[in-house]
Each structure stands twice: as structure tokens, then as C-alpha cells.
Amino acid sequence: MTETTGTAVRAGGAARGGGTEPGARGRTTIADDVVAKIAGMAAREVPGVHALGGGLARTMGAVSERVPGRRPGVTRGVKVEVGERQSAVDLDLVVEYGLAIPDVASDVRENVIASIERMTGLEVVEVNIAVDDVHLPDEEDEQPAAGRVQ
């Protein structure tokens, strides 16, 4: 978890009230899971990203998402480290077939950095991307294997 404090001073002199800006009168804490969710959503927004997570993570996620009331895991395939002022992100991607993987990775990196920095104020020092698979047009999304007997 990270903590940030505001230290802005009004132009032209001291701040009103107790001599400090409201942002300097407390601290804001941002949990690692918050940064992971932002990174996961930002990565999924990029055209060409089919899914996040390695093969096993996607299979386990598909099983758990079939449980009534469960929502899709936004942080699947996302790992973050968050410090006081900086964060680092690791992503596992599945890219759509036919697209230039370096271009998709670059677009994901830019969108993740912009989203995290805009929403949290943290500096993103790195976004590492591992492309684990390519989704072919005729492949169905992974679903848990059904039993032989129906």
C-alpha cells in the first residue's frame, strides 16, 4: 500500500485557514489492488488484447467465473508493486492473431502508464509485458472441460 501527501502552496502567499492547503492536512492511501485493477482495465481497453493471464490462470478464472454471483477477475494476469511514490506493473497478455505484438504491447504500456499516473498520482517506473499466447480467429474461448457423460 502507498501513502501520498499533498504539499501544494497557493501562488501569491500562504494558504488560507491553518496555514496549509487541505491536501497537506492528511494522507491518502492507495492499496496495491487498486493499482492492479486500474492496470487490468487499462490493458483490456487496448484493441488487440484478447485476454490477460497465463493459460492456467485463464482456465482457473473461467471455472470461478461460472460460479453464480462471481464477477470476472479484473486483476487476473496483473502483478503490481507499489511504493510511496512509484509503482511497477507486470502483465501477462493474450494477443489477437495477425496484429504486430510489439505495437500492441507498446499501446498497452502507454495506456497503463497514463491511467495509473492520472488516477493515482504515482509514477509508473516500468510496465513489463509477457505475451503468453496468440488467440486464433477460429479458437473458442477457453471453457472448463465438460465431463464425458451429459
Protein backbone atom coordinates (compact mmCIF):
# COMPACT_ATOMS: atom_id res chain seq x y z
CA MET A 1 0.00 0.00 0.00
CA THR A 2 1.18 3.50 -0.66
CA GLU A 3 0.61 6.77 1.08
CA THR A 4 0.76 10.17 -0.53
CA THR A 5 0.56 13.62 0.98
CA GLY A 6 -0.18 16.89 -0.70
CA THR A 7 2.26 19.78 -0.37
CA ALA A 8 0.93 22.39 -2.78
CA VAL A 9 1.15 26.05 -1.77
CA ARG A 10 -1.11 28.68 -3.30
CA ALA A 11 0.50 31.14 -5.63
CA GLY A 12 1.00 34.53 -4.04
CA GLY A 13 1.39 33.52 -0.43
CA ALA A 14 0.26 31.27 2.33
CA ALA A 15 -2.78 29.10 2.14
CA ARG A 16 -5.97 30.06 3.91
CA GLY A 17 -7.08 28.53 7.17
CA GLY A 18 -4.41 26.93 9.32
CA GLY A 19 -1.59 27.94 7.00
CA THR A 20 -1.60 24.79 4.90
CA GLU A 21 -3.52 23.57 1.89
CA PRO A 22 -6.24 20.97 2.58
CA GLY A 23 -4.17 18.35 0.72
CA ALA A 24 -1.39 18.70 3.29
CA ARG A 25 -3.72 18.06 6.23
CA GLY A 26 -3.81 14.30 5.98
CA ARG A 27 -2.72 11.45 3.83
CA THR A 28 -4.21 9.32 1.11
CA THR A 29 -3.54 5.59 1.00
CA ILE A 30 -3.78 3.63 -2.26
CA ALA A 31 -3.94 -0.17 -1.98
CA ASP A 32 -1.99 -2.44 -4.33
CA ASP A 33 -5.28 -3.98 -5.50
CA VAL A 34 -6.49 -0.56 -6.65
CA VAL A 35 -3.43 -0.11 -8.86
CA ALA A 36 -3.81 -3.70 -10.15
CA LYS A 37 -7.44 -3.06 -11.11
CA ILE A 38 -6.56 0.16 -12.92
CA ALA A 39 -3.76 -1.64 -14.81
CA GLY A 40 -6.04 -4.56 -15.73
CA MET A 41 -8.81 -2.33 -17.02
CA ALA A 42 -6.39 -0.13 -18.95
CA ALA A 43 -4.76 -3.15 -20.62
CA ARG A 44 -8.13 -4.60 -21.64
CA GLU A 45 -9.13 -1.30 -23.28
CA VAL A 46 -6.40 -1.67 -25.92
CA PRO A 47 -7.50 -3.14 -29.26
CA GLY A 48 -5.74 -6.44 -29.91
CA VAL A 49 -5.69 -7.63 -26.30
CA HIS A 50 -7.80 -10.78 -26.19
CA ALA A 51 -7.28 -11.67 -22.52
CA LEU A 52 -4.95 -11.31 -19.57
CA GLY A 53 -3.30 -14.13 -17.66
CA GLY A 54 -1.34 -17.24 -18.49
CA GLY A 55 -3.00 -20.48 -19.57
CA LEU A 56 -3.56 -21.88 -16.07
CA ALA A 57 -4.77 -18.53 -14.71
CA ARG A 58 -7.27 -18.18 -17.56
CA THR A 59 -8.54 -21.73 -17.05
CA MET A 60 -8.96 -21.25 -13.30
CA GLY A 61 -10.63 -17.89 -13.93
CA ALA A 62 -13.07 -19.43 -16.41
CA VAL A 63 -14.03 -22.03 -13.80
CA SER A 64 -14.51 -19.50 -11.00
CA GLU A 65 -16.48 -17.10 -13.23
CA ARG A 66 -19.09 -19.80 -13.81
CA VAL A 67 -20.00 -19.71 -10.12
CA PRO A 68 -23.22 -17.71 -9.75
CA GLY A 69 -22.60 -14.20 -8.45
CA ARG A 70 -18.89 -14.16 -9.34
CA ARG A 71 -17.59 -11.31 -11.46
CA PRO A 72 -14.74 -11.63 -13.94
CA GLY A 73 -11.31 -11.19 -12.36
CA VAL A 74 -10.06 -7.77 -13.45
CA THR A 75 -6.65 -8.39 -11.88
CA ARG A 76 -6.03 -11.79 -13.49
CA GLY A 77 -2.63 -11.63 -15.20
CA VAL A 78 -1.66 -8.43 -13.36
CA LYS A 79 1.00 -8.08 -10.67
CA VAL A 80 1.98 -4.75 -9.15
CA GLU A 81 4.50 -3.37 -6.70
CA VAL A 82 3.53 -0.09 -5.11
CA GLY A 83 5.83 2.17 -3.12
CA GLU A 84 5.30 5.59 -1.61
CA ARG A 85 5.59 7.49 -4.89
CA GLN A 86 6.19 4.85 -7.56
CA SER A 87 4.71 1.65 -8.92
CA ALA A 88 5.77 -1.15 -11.26
CA VAL A 89 3.45 -3.44 -13.22
CA ASP A 90 3.83 -6.93 -14.73
CA LEU A 91 1.20 -8.09 -17.24
CA ASP A 92 0.55 -11.46 -18.92
CA LEU A 93 -1.29 -10.96 -22.23
CA VAL A 94 -3.01 -12.96 -24.94
CA VAL A 95 -2.89 -11.01 -28.21
CA GLU A 96 -5.22 -11.38 -31.20
CA TYR A 97 -3.66 -13.20 -34.16
CA GLY A 98 -2.47 -11.05 -37.05
CA LEU A 99 -1.52 -7.97 -35.09
CA ALA A 100 2.02 -6.76 -34.51
CA ILE A 101 2.79 -7.86 -30.96
CA PRO A 102 5.33 -5.06 -30.31
CA ASP A 103 2.71 -2.46 -31.35
CA VAL A 104 0.02 -3.96 -29.10
CA ALA A 105 2.50 -4.18 -26.20
CA SER A 106 3.53 -0.54 -26.73
CA ASP A 107 -0.11 0.60 -26.77
CA VAL A 108 -0.85 -1.40 -23.61
CA ARG A 109 2.21 0.05 -21.87
CA GLU A 110 1.22 3.64 -22.77
CA ASN A 111 -2.41 3.19 -21.68
CA VAL A 112 -1.49 1.50 -18.38
CA ILE A 113 1.07 4.19 -17.51
CA ALA A 114 -1.30 7.04 -18.40
CA SER A 115 -4.21 5.52 -16.46
CA ILE A 116 -2.26 4.75 -13.28
CA GLU A 117 -0.46 8.10 -13.22
CA ARG A 118 -3.66 10.05 -13.91
CA MET A 119 -5.81 8.22 -11.37
CA THR A 120 -3.31 7.73 -8.53
CA GLY A 121 -0.57 10.32 -8.98
CA LEU A 122 2.02 7.54 -8.68
CA GLU A 123 4.95 7.49 -11.10
CA VAL A 124 5.00 4.23 -13.08
CA VAL A 125 8.64 3.21 -13.37
CA GLU A 126 8.07 0.14 -15.55
CA VAL A 127 5.42 -1.97 -17.23
CA ASN A 128 6.75 -5.43 -18.11
CA ILE A 129 4.65 -7.39 -20.60
CA ALA A 130 4.80 -11.13 -21.25
CA VAL A 131 2.79 -12.32 -24.25
CA ASP A 132 1.78 -15.87 -23.29
CA ASP A 133 -0.43 -16.78 -26.23
CA VAL A 134 -1.96 -15.67 -29.51
CA HIS A 135 -5.72 -16.01 -29.93
CA LEU A 136 -6.56 -17.53 -33.31
CA PRO A 137 -9.79 -16.45 -35.06
CA ASP A 138 -11.25 -19.98 -35.06
CA GLU A 139 -10.42 -20.72 -31.42
CA GLU A 140 -13.21 -20.66 -28.90
CA ASP A 141 -12.57 -19.01 -25.57
CA GLU A 142 -11.27 -21.46 -23.03
CA GLN A 143 -14.03 -23.08 -21.07
CA PRO A 144 -13.66 -25.76 -18.43
CA ALA A 145 -13.76 -29.21 -19.96
CA ALA A 146 -17.13 -30.87 -19.65
CA GLY A 147 -17.39 -34.43 -18.46
CA ARG A 148 -17.79 -37.22 -20.98
CA VAL A 149 -21.27 -38.04 -19.76
CA GLN A 150 -24.01 -35.48 -20.22
